Amino acid sequence: MQASKRLALVAGETSGDLLAGLLLSGVRQRWPELQAFGIGGPQMLAQGFEAWWPSDKLAVRGYVEVLRHYREIVGIRTALQQRLLASSRPDVFIGVDAPDFNLDLEANLRQAGIRTVHFVCPSIWAWRADRVDKIRRSADHVLCIFPFEPELLAQHGIAATYVGHPLANVIPLVPDRAAARARLGLGDRETVVAVLPGSRASEVQYLAARFFATAARLAKARPGMRFVVPAMPVLRERIEAAIRDAGVEGAVMVVTGQSHTVLAACDVTLIASGTATLEAALFKRPMVIAYNMNWLSWQIMRRKQLQPWVGLPNILCNDFVVPELLQDAATPEAMSQAVLAWLDAPAKISALQQRFTELHHTLRRDTAQLATDAIEQVLEG
């Protein structure tokens, strides 16, 4: 094996950037002279990644929302593909999640003789099962973050490796709640609710007003309750405007980033459906999952859903272990009642924490090494 490798990667949003950053840290240990380039965010940049475009260019969710950005996104993909096939041909292309962007790109690159790896199996077990044919055409190998996925893919002739979930190694089995509260300036006896309305502009657009109207109801029901919001820098202004509109400025603390510190510190979280719900589960925190999106996008997605759950903790536990309030059900009344129900049920929280601890052990693997081993096998052909 030559010492230097050229890897192209695409990570399409905050969670993908985090996963890719962790992957790059392991890959660079195997190949110290690694050149890595493509589309990425700050976690990847910290690993020496050369970002031709920032990952937030692809951070769009929902059919209608994607249509609004379709021309720009397709233009980026076309330009990236041309560059990878011409002057910057990589040894392997790794698409990190973002299947709507990455799978078509992978198929074209693979057809041109570039080896391809897809990191994070698309959720064909949850919705859009027809996507399996595209995965087979696109990826030489799939790196799976959930243990049941390689067997499912093997049934369709797709090579795959379970590498564990990188977040399970980053997040401690026993979070230090006291230290997290000290860092945020919160008292040990304060009731703290983490409010996470999403990492995309479209999520904040549809969820922030609902979430902070919920905070207003909770503050009225339990005076002295504190709310902490870990905000992406580009979304902070929108979030602070929603807080002012809800009239809860005095009760809400907004911090830049620090989502893990906030989750470690809280008693319960009101959280948008997505990767952050798995992070909350790994921090052993009770949660209320909520989501609201464009009506047409919701109708299309609902028809493609294969399971009764949308939240990752519920999918992985195969049960409604935490409440989900989706679309019209995501009202401030319902969300505040669900949050209060957790705060009034310590025995239920204890049982949930035990279940989440078992899940944490299942997902904890040496992800960087397992992923790098699989990438090396792909490179060897």
Protein backbone atom coordinates (compact mmCIF):
# COMPACT_ATOMS: atom_id res chain seq x y z
CA MET A 1 0.00 0.00 0.00
CA GLN A 2 1.35 3.42 -0.92
CA ALA A 3 1.68 5.89 1.94
CA SER A 4 -0.35 8.68 0.36
CA LYS A 5 -4.02 8.38 -0.60
CA ARG A 6 -6.45 10.75 -2.26
CA LEU A 7 -9.95 10.62 -0.81
CA ALA A 8 -12.91 12.64 -2.00
CA LEU A 9 -15.75 13.06 0.49
CA VAL A 10 -19.13 14.72 0.53
CA ALA A 11 -20.92 15.42 3.83
CA GLY A 12 -24.16 17.28 3.45
CA GLU A 13 -25.06 18.72 6.84
CA THR A 14 -24.00 19.05 10.48
CA SER A 15 -24.42 15.37 11.38
CA GLY A 16 -22.61 14.24 8.22
CA ASP A 17 -19.77 16.66 8.92
CA LEU A 18 -19.41 15.20 12.41
CA LEU A 19 -19.37 11.61 11.11
CA ALA A 20 -16.90 12.46 8.35
CA GLY A 21 -14.63 14.30 10.77
CA LEU A 22 -14.44 11.24 12.99
CA LEU A 23 -13.81 9.02 9.98
CA LEU A 24 -11.01 11.26 8.72
CA SER A 25 -9.25 11.14 12.09
CA GLY A 26 -8.97 7.35 11.76
CA VAL A 27 -8.13 7.26 8.07
CA ARG A 28 -5.35 9.80 8.55
CA GLN A 29 -3.74 7.54 11.17
CA ARG A 30 -3.54 4.80 8.49
CA TRP A 31 -2.34 7.17 5.76
CA PRO A 32 -0.66 10.22 7.37
CA GLU A 33 -0.03 11.89 4.00
CA LEU A 34 -3.70 11.61 3.08
CA GLN A 35 -5.21 14.22 0.77
CA ALA A 36 -8.94 14.68 1.42
CA PHE A 37 -11.17 17.07 -0.49
CA GLY A 38 -14.74 17.69 -1.63
CA ILE A 39 -17.70 19.07 0.32
CA GLY A 40 -17.50 19.36 4.09
CA GLY A 41 -17.84 21.40 7.24
CA PRO A 42 -15.84 22.56 10.27
CA GLN A 43 -15.28 19.10 11.80
CA MET A 44 -13.74 17.91 8.53
CA LEU A 45 -11.70 21.10 8.14
CA ALA A 46 -10.21 20.44 11.57
CA GLN A 47 -8.84 17.17 10.12
CA GLY A 48 -7.09 18.94 7.25
CA PHE A 49 -9.92 18.54 4.76
CA GLU A 50 -9.98 20.81 1.69
CA ALA A 51 -13.58 21.99 1.28
CA TRP A 52 -14.41 23.07 -2.25
CA TRP A 53 -17.95 23.84 -1.06
CA PRO A 54 -19.28 24.08 2.51
CA SER A 55 -21.55 21.28 3.71
CA ASP A 56 -24.38 23.64 4.62
CA LYS A 57 -25.00 24.16 0.87
CA LEU A 58 -26.64 20.71 0.94
CA ALA A 59 -28.46 21.05 4.29
CA VAL A 60 -31.99 21.02 2.90
CA ARG A 61 -34.75 18.60 3.95
CA GLY A 62 -38.14 17.99 2.37
CA TYR A 63 -39.26 17.63 -1.23
CA VAL A 64 -40.61 21.14 -1.67
CA GLU A 65 -37.61 22.69 0.09
CA VAL A 66 -35.19 20.79 -2.15
CA LEU A 67 -37.03 21.99 -5.26
CA ARG A 68 -36.38 25.58 -4.23
CA HIS A 69 -32.61 24.89 -4.19
CA TYR A 70 -32.59 22.25 -6.94
CA ARG A 71 -30.70 24.22 -9.58
CA GLU A 72 -27.92 25.24 -7.20
CA ILE A 73 -27.53 21.73 -5.74
CA VAL A 74 -27.44 20.04 -9.14
CA GLY A 75 -24.94 22.63 -10.33
CA ILE A 76 -22.66 21.85 -7.39
CA ARG A 77 -22.90 18.11 -8.03
CA THR A 78 -22.14 18.53 -11.74
CA ALA A 79 -19.14 20.77 -11.06
CA LEU A 80 -17.85 18.38 -8.37
CA GLN A 81 -18.19 15.36 -10.65
CA GLN A 82 -16.35 17.08 -13.49
CA ARG A 83 -13.51 18.06 -11.19
CA LEU A 84 -13.21 14.56 -9.72
CA LEU A 85 -13.10 12.96 -13.17
CA ALA A 86 -10.59 15.45 -14.53
CA SER A 87 -7.87 17.11 -12.49
CA SER A 88 -8.62 15.71 -9.02
CA ARG A 89 -9.33 12.01 -9.55
CA PRO A 90 -9.41 10.30 -6.12
CA ASP A 91 -8.44 6.77 -5.12
CA VAL A 92 -11.87 6.40 -3.55
CA PHE A 93 -14.98 8.54 -3.17
CA ILE A 94 -16.82 8.41 0.16
CA GLY A 95 -20.35 9.77 0.27
CA VAL A 96 -21.32 10.48 3.87
CA ASP A 97 -25.09 10.20 4.24
CA ALA A 98 -26.92 12.77 2.00
CA PRO A 99 -28.16 9.92 -0.23
CA ASP A 100 -30.19 12.10 -2.59
CA PHE A 101 -27.00 13.96 -3.50
CA ASN A 102 -24.41 11.22 -3.12
CA LEU A 103 -25.89 8.07 -4.64
CA ASP A 104 -26.29 9.48 -8.15
CA LEU A 105 -22.81 10.98 -7.93
CA GLU A 106 -21.38 7.66 -6.71
CA ALA A 107 -23.05 5.78 -9.58
CA ASN A 108 -21.47 8.08 -12.16
CA LEU A 109 -18.04 7.96 -10.54
CA ARG A 110 -18.18 4.18 -10.19
CA GLN A 111 -19.09 3.82 -13.85
CA ALA A 112 -16.01 5.91 -14.65
CA GLY A 113 -13.79 3.52 -12.67
CA ILE A 114 -13.55 5.29 -9.33
CA ARG A 115 -14.17 3.09 -6.30
CA THR A 116 -17.02 4.27 -4.09
CA VAL A 117 -18.00 3.88 -0.45
CA HIS A 118 -21.24 5.08 1.08
CA PHE A 119 -21.04 5.85 4.81
CA VAL A 120 -24.41 5.54 6.58
CA CYS A 121 -26.83 3.14 4.98
CA PRO A 122 -29.92 4.95 3.69
CA SER A 123 -32.89 4.08 5.87
CA ILE A 124 -34.41 1.54 3.47
CA TRP A 125 -35.77 -0.29 6.53
CA ALA A 126 -37.78 2.81 7.49
CA TRP A 127 -38.91 4.30 4.20
CA ARG A 128 -38.15 4.33 0.44
CA ALA A 129 -37.26 0.63 0.20
CA ASP A 130 -37.03 1.05 -3.58
CA ARG A 131 -33.74 2.90 -3.03
CA VAL A 132 -31.90 -0.41 -2.56
CA ASP A 133 -31.43 -0.79 -6.33
CA LYS A 134 -29.72 2.59 -6.51
CA ILE A 135 -27.44 1.66 -3.60
CA ARG A 136 -26.38 -1.52 -5.44
CA ARG A 137 -25.51 0.48 -8.58
CA SER A 138 -23.74 3.24 -6.68
CA ALA A 139 -21.59 1.80 -3.91
CA ASP A 140 -18.77 -0.73 -3.94
CA HIS A 141 -19.21 -0.91 -0.17
CA VAL A 142 -21.52 0.50 2.48
CA LEU A 143 -20.38 1.42 5.99
CA CYS A 144 -23.31 0.78 8.32
CA ILE A 145 -23.85 2.47 11.66
CA PHE A 146 -26.59 0.12 12.88
CA PRO A 147 -25.98 -3.61 13.49
CA PHE A 148 -28.94 -5.03 11.54
CA GLU A 149 -28.11 -3.26 8.27
CA PRO A 150 -25.31 -5.42 6.71
CA GLU A 151 -27.50 -8.54 6.70
CA LEU A 152 -30.34 -6.59 5.09
CA LEU A 153 -28.02 -5.25 2.39
CA ALA A 154 -26.46 -8.68 1.80
CA GLN A 155 -29.91 -9.97 0.85
CA HIS A 156 -29.73 -7.54 -2.07
CA GLY A 157 -26.15 -8.35 -3.07
CA ILE A 158 -24.59 -5.26 -1.50
CA ALA A 159 -21.28 -5.54 0.37
CA ALA A 160 -21.41 -3.83 3.76
CA THR A 161 -19.65 -3.61 7.12
CA TYR A 162 -21.08 -2.68 10.51
CA VAL A 163 -18.71 -0.09 11.96
CA GLY A 164 -20.77 1.04 14.95
CA HIS A 165 -21.98 4.58 15.43
CA PRO A 166 -19.12 7.06 15.88
CA LEU A 167 -21.16 9.11 18.35
CA ALA A 168 -21.26 6.13 20.73
CA ASN A 169 -17.50 6.52 21.22
CA VAL A 170 -17.59 10.29 21.53
CA ILE A 171 -20.37 10.44 24.11
CA PRO A 172 -19.46 8.93 27.52
CA LEU A 173 -21.47 6.03 28.89
CA VAL A 174 -22.09 8.08 32.05
CA PRO A 175 -22.38 11.77 31.16
CA ASP A 176 -21.13 14.29 33.72
CA ARG A 177 -24.26 16.32 34.35
CA ALA A 178 -22.73 18.45 37.10
CA ALA A 179 -19.73 19.47 35.00
CA ALA A 180 -21.95 20.32 32.04
CA ARG A 181 -24.16 22.52 34.22
CA ALA A 182 -21.11 24.24 35.67
CA ARG A 183 -19.84 25.06 32.17
CA LEU A 184 -23.22 26.59 31.30
CA GLY A 185 -23.60 28.41 34.61
CA LEU A 186 -26.67 26.40 35.63
CA GLY A 187 -27.53 25.43 39.18
CA ASP A 188 -27.61 21.78 40.16
CA ARG A 189 -31.20 21.99 41.40
CA GLU A 190 -32.63 23.95 38.50
CA THR A 191 -35.04 22.22 36.14
CA VAL A 192 -33.42 22.48 32.72
CA VAL A 193 -35.04 21.79 29.36
CA ALA A 194 -32.83 21.57 26.28
CA VAL A 195 -34.58 22.99 23.22
CA LEU A 196 -33.22 21.77 19.87
CA PRO A 197 -35.33 23.02 16.94
CA GLY A 198 -32.99 21.57 14.30
CA SER A 199 -29.78 22.39 12.48
CA ARG A 200 -31.32 23.42 9.14
CA ALA A 201 -32.90 26.74 8.29
CA SER A 202 -36.05 24.96 7.09
CA GLU A 203 -36.39 23.17 10.43
CA VAL A 204 -36.02 26.38 12.41
CA GLN A 205 -38.57 28.00 10.10
CA TYR A 206 -41.22 25.39 10.90
CA LEU A 207 -40.30 24.46 14.48
CA ALA A 208 -38.84 27.43 16.36
CA ALA A 209 -42.11 29.28 16.95
CA ARG A 210 -43.78 26.08 18.14
CA PHE A 211 -40.90 25.13 20.41
CA PHE A 212 -40.67 28.50 22.11
CA ALA A 213 -44.44 28.79 22.47
CA THR A 214 -44.07 25.47 24.30
CA ALA A 215 -41.33 26.98 26.46
CA ALA A 216 -43.68 29.84 27.33
CA ARG A 217 -46.34 27.40 28.50
CA LEU A 218 -43.80 25.42 30.52
CA ALA A 219 -42.39 28.55 32.15
CA LYS A 220 -45.89 29.51 33.21
CA ALA A 221 -46.63 26.02 34.57
CA ARG A 222 -43.27 25.72 36.38
CA PRO A 223 -41.85 29.17 37.26
CA GLY A 224 -38.07 29.09 37.45
CA MET A 225 -37.67 26.44 34.73
CA ARG A 226 -34.61 27.14 32.54
CA PHE A 227 -34.33 26.55 28.80
CA VAL A 228 -31.05 26.18 26.93
CA VAL A 229 -30.72 26.26 23.14
CA PRO A 230 -27.53 25.16 21.35
CA ALA A 231 -27.69 27.22 18.14
CA MET A 232 -25.75 26.97 14.91
CA PRO A 233 -24.09 30.36 14.32
CA VAL A 234 -25.93 30.90 11.02
CA LEU A 235 -29.28 30.21 12.71
CA ARG A 236 -28.77 32.05 15.97
CA GLU A 237 -30.43 35.29 14.84
CA ARG A 238 -33.57 33.45 13.70
CA ILE A 239 -33.74 31.50 16.94
CA GLU A 240 -33.34 34.62 19.08
CA ALA A 241 -36.11 36.33 17.09
CA ALA A 242 -38.44 33.37 17.79
CA ILE A 243 -37.57 33.58 21.50
CA ARG A 244 -38.46 37.28 21.57
CA ASP A 245 -41.71 36.63 19.74
CA ALA A 246 -42.64 34.02 22.35
CA GLY A 247 -41.80 36.42 25.20
CA VAL A 248 -39.44 34.05 27.00
CA GLU A 249 -36.13 35.94 26.73
CA GLY A 250 -35.59 35.88 30.49
CA ALA A 251 -35.93 32.11 30.77
CA VAL A 252 -33.96 31.01 27.68
CA MET A 253 -30.19 30.81 27.33
CA VAL A 254 -28.84 30.57 23.77
CA VAL A 255 -25.33 29.21 23.33
CA THR A 256 -23.34 28.82 20.14
CA GLY A 257 -22.91 25.12 19.40
CA GLN A 258 -22.22 23.04 22.54
CA SER A 259 -25.12 20.69 21.85
CA HIS A 260 -23.41 17.87 23.75
CA THR A 261 -22.86 20.05 26.80
CA VAL A 262 -26.49 21.14 26.70
CA LEU A 263 -27.78 17.56 26.39
CA ALA A 264 -25.54 16.43 29.25
CA ALA A 265 -26.85 19.25 31.44
CA CYS A 266 -30.59 18.97 30.82
CA ASP A 267 -33.33 17.07 32.62
CA VAL A 268 -35.37 16.59 29.43
CA THR A 269 -35.13 17.77 25.84
CA LEU A 270 -37.66 19.01 23.32
CA ILE A 271 -35.98 18.02 20.10
CA ALA A 272 -36.46 17.92 16.33
CA SER A 273 -36.47 14.49 14.73
CA GLY A 274 -33.05 13.65 13.30
CA THR A 275 -29.57 12.55 14.36
CA ALA A 276 -29.76 14.77 17.44
CA THR A 277 -32.36 12.40 18.92
CA LEU A 278 -29.78 9.60 18.89
CA GLU A 279 -27.30 11.93 20.60
CA ALA A 280 -29.92 12.63 23.27
CA ALA A 281 -30.44 8.88 23.72
CA LEU A 282 -26.69 8.33 24.13
CA PHE A 283 -26.71 11.04 26.80
CA LYS A 284 -29.52 8.97 28.45
CA ARG A 285 -31.92 11.89 28.41
CA PRO A 286 -35.72 11.64 28.21
CA MET A 287 -37.03 13.54 25.22
CA VAL A 288 -40.07 14.68 23.33
CA ILE A 289 -39.48 14.33 19.59
CA ALA A 290 -41.37 16.76 17.38
CA TYR A 291 -41.37 17.69 13.72
CA ASN A 292 -43.26 19.95 11.38
CA MET A 293 -42.53 20.64 7.73
CA ASN A 294 -44.05 21.85 4.49
CA TRP A 295 -47.48 20.21 4.09
CA LEU A 296 -46.79 18.72 0.66
CA SER A 297 -43.40 17.34 1.73
CA TRP A 298 -45.08 15.75 4.74
CA GLN A 299 -47.76 14.07 2.60
CA ILE A 300 -45.12 12.59 0.28
CA MET A 301 -42.86 11.36 3.09
CA ARG A 302 -45.73 9.87 5.08
CA ARG A 303 -46.77 7.70 2.14
CA LYS A 304 -43.24 6.27 1.87
CA GLN A 305 -42.91 5.47 5.59
CA LEU A 306 -42.49 1.76 6.41
CA GLN A 307 -42.41 1.86 10.21
CA PRO A 308 -44.63 3.43 12.86
CA TRP A 309 -41.72 5.49 14.25
CA VAL A 310 -39.64 8.34 12.85
CA GLY A 311 -37.34 8.99 15.83
CA LEU A 312 -34.10 7.00 15.87
CA PRO A 313 -34.38 6.03 19.56
CA ASN A 314 -37.80 4.49 18.91
CA ILE A 315 -36.66 2.78 15.69
CA LEU A 316 -33.61 1.26 17.37
CA CYS A 317 -35.59 0.18 20.45
CA ASN A 318 -38.43 -1.08 18.23
CA ASP A 319 -40.92 0.65 20.48
CA PHE A 320 -42.36 4.05 21.37
CA VAL A 321 -39.93 4.59 24.25
CA VAL A 322 -40.23 8.38 23.82
CA PRO A 323 -43.20 10.36 22.47
CA GLU A 324 -43.31 11.59 18.87
CA LEU A 325 -45.47 14.60 18.00
CA LEU A 326 -45.46 15.12 14.26
CA GLN A 327 -46.91 17.73 11.94
CA ASP A 328 -50.35 18.88 13.21
CA ALA A 329 -49.82 16.95 16.47
CA ALA A 330 -46.78 19.12 17.28
CA THR A 331 -48.75 21.77 19.15
CA PRO A 332 -47.39 23.78 22.10
CA GLU A 333 -50.12 22.27 24.29
CA ALA A 334 -49.20 18.68 23.44
CA MET A 335 -45.46 19.26 23.61
CA SER A 336 -45.61 21.01 26.98
CA GLN A 337 -47.77 18.23 28.43
CA ALA A 338 -45.32 15.60 27.17
CA VAL A 339 -42.35 17.43 28.70
CA LEU A 340 -44.12 17.77 32.04
CA ALA A 341 -45.05 14.09 31.95
CA TRP A 342 -41.34 13.19 31.90
CA LEU A 343 -40.51 15.57 34.74
CA ASP A 344 -43.21 13.96 36.88
CA ALA A 345 -42.12 10.35 36.21
CA PRO A 346 -38.66 9.61 37.73
CA ALA A 347 -39.23 5.83 37.66
CA LYS A 348 -40.04 5.97 33.97
CA ILE A 349 -36.90 8.04 33.34
CA SER A 350 -34.78 5.47 35.21
CA ALA A 351 -36.14 2.65 33.05
CA LEU A 352 -35.50 4.68 29.89
CA GLN A 353 -31.92 5.38 30.93
CA GLN A 354 -31.28 1.66 31.37
CA ARG A 355 -32.63 0.98 27.90
CA PHE A 356 -30.51 3.74 26.40
CA THR A 357 -27.42 2.39 28.18
CA GLU A 358 -27.98 -1.01 26.53
CA LEU A 359 -28.35 0.73 23.18
CA HIS A 360 -25.12 2.65 23.79
CA HIS A 361 -23.17 -0.59 24.33
CA THR A 362 -24.60 -2.05 21.11
CA LEU A 363 -23.51 0.95 19.05
CA ARG A 364 -20.04 1.33 20.59
CA ARG A 365 -17.34 -0.04 18.27
CA ASP A 366 -13.93 1.14 17.04
CA THR A 367 -15.62 2.91 14.17
CA ALA A 368 -12.58 4.67 12.75
CA GLN A 369 -10.51 1.47 12.52
CA LEU A 370 -13.35 -0.71 11.21
CA ALA A 371 -14.23 1.89 8.58
CA THR A 372 -10.60 2.34 7.56
CA ASP A 373 -10.15 -1.47 7.26
CA ALA A 374 -13.18 -1.62 4.98
CA ILE A 375 -11.96 1.33 2.87
CA GLU A 376 -8.56 -0.36 2.52
CA GLN A 377 -10.23 -3.55 1.27
CA VAL A 378 -12.11 -1.51 -1.32
CA LEU A 379 -8.86 0.12 -2.44
CA GLU A 380 -7.24 -3.29 -2.81
CA GLY A 381 -10.11 -4.33 -5.06
